[in-house]
Amino acid sequence: MPNRTRIDLLPIQEVVATASPRAWRDGLVIAREPDTVTVALLDGDATVLATRAAPAIGEPVAVHLVAEVLALGGAWYSARPVVG
């Protein structure tokens, strides 16, 4: 298993993300507020996530919306979609 840093990640989130690799979606950070990031996904969608991750604007990330995980470099962060 790869050695990655896990931030606020539940074990079940890691299991789901690892078991379903096709659900990862690549994107770029387009906005950052305290405790949230907005990611423009490369398939044309955008999503706002509540997370402790602190990527720079324009930084590439990967998002697993099923497992609610945001990958930034070698770290995985818990990332819950913001509704509303």
Protein backbone atom coordinates (compact mmCIF):
# COMPACT_ATOMS: atom_id res chain seq x y z
CA MET A 1 0.00 0.00 0.00
CA PRO A 2 1.40 3.43 -0.89
CA ASN A 3 2.69 5.54 1.95
CA ARG A 4 0.52 8.68 1.97
CA THR A 5 -0.32 11.22 4.60
CA ARG A 6 -3.94 11.10 5.79
CA ILE A 7 -5.58 14.22 7.22
CA ASP A 8 -8.97 13.78 8.98
CA LEU A 9 -9.55 10.68 6.87
CA LEU A 10 -11.67 7.85 8.22
CA PRO A 11 -10.48 4.31 7.47
CA ILE A 12 -13.65 3.61 5.44
CA GLN A 13 -12.90 6.63 3.22
CA GLU A 14 -9.48 5.23 2.38
CA VAL A 15 -10.95 1.77 1.69
CA VAL A 16 -13.62 3.19 -0.66
CA ALA A 17 -11.16 5.46 -2.48
CA THR A 18 -8.68 2.63 -2.95
CA ALA A 19 -11.33 0.11 -4.01
CA SER A 20 -12.86 2.38 -6.65
CA PRO A 21 -9.99 4.08 -8.50
CA ARG A 22 -12.18 5.03 -11.49
CA ALA A 23 -14.16 7.46 -9.32
CA TRP A 24 -11.17 9.84 -8.97
CA ARG A 25 -11.65 13.07 -10.93
CA ASP A 26 -8.86 15.52 -11.70
CA GLY A 27 -9.30 19.25 -11.33
CA LEU A 28 -7.79 22.63 -10.55
CA VAL A 29 -8.45 24.76 -7.50
CA ILE A 30 -10.24 27.94 -8.60
CA ALA A 31 -11.13 29.45 -5.21
CA ARG A 32 -10.19 29.03 -1.59
CA GLU A 33 -11.94 30.28 1.52
CA PRO A 34 -11.30 29.31 5.13
CA ASP A 35 -12.24 25.61 5.40
CA THR A 36 -13.49 25.29 1.79
CA VAL A 37 -12.03 24.95 -1.69
CA THR A 38 -13.73 25.19 -5.07
CA VAL A 39 -12.42 22.78 -7.67
CA ALA A 40 -13.02 23.04 -11.42
CA LEU A 41 -13.07 19.44 -12.53
CA LEU A 42 -11.53 18.66 -15.90
CA ASP A 43 -14.81 17.15 -17.12
CA GLY A 44 -16.44 20.60 -16.89
CA ASP A 45 -18.15 20.39 -13.50
CA ALA A 46 -17.19 22.36 -10.41
CA THR A 47 -17.57 21.41 -6.77
CA VAL A 48 -17.17 23.18 -3.43
CA LEU A 49 -15.65 21.05 -0.69
CA ALA A 50 -15.33 21.56 3.05
CA THR A 51 -11.78 20.45 3.88
CA ARG A 52 -8.68 21.26 5.89
CA ALA A 53 -6.57 21.11 2.72
CA ALA A 54 -4.99 24.43 1.79
CA PRO A 55 -4.03 24.25 -1.90
CA ALA A 56 -3.03 27.34 -3.85
CA ILE A 57 -5.29 28.76 -6.54
CA GLY A 58 -4.51 26.91 -9.78
CA GLU A 59 -3.02 23.90 -8.01
CA PRO A 60 -3.96 20.49 -9.45
CA VAL A 61 -5.87 18.12 -7.17
CA ALA A 62 -7.80 14.87 -7.45
CA VAL A 63 -11.26 14.47 -5.95
CA HIS A 64 -13.04 11.23 -5.05
CA LEU A 65 -16.63 12.38 -4.54
CA VAL A 66 -17.89 8.94 -3.47
CA ALA A 67 -15.30 8.56 -0.70
CA GLU A 68 -15.26 12.32 0.01
CA VAL A 69 -11.49 12.59 -0.37
CA LEU A 70 -9.29 15.31 -1.86
CA ALA A 71 -5.75 14.33 -2.88
CA LEU A 72 -3.15 17.09 -2.84
CA GLY A 73 0.36 15.95 -3.64
CA GLY A 74 1.02 12.91 -1.47
CA ALA A 75 -1.66 13.72 1.10
CA TRP A 76 -5.30 12.67 1.27
CA TYR A 77 -7.75 14.98 3.05
CA SER A 78 -11.32 14.41 4.07
CA ALA A 79 -13.43 16.65 1.80
CA ARG A 80 -17.20 16.86 2.19
CA PRO A 81 -19.26 18.47 -0.60
CA VAL A 82 -20.92 21.71 0.47
CA VAL A 83 -24.65 21.65 -0.24
CA GLY A 84 -26.56 24.80 -1.02
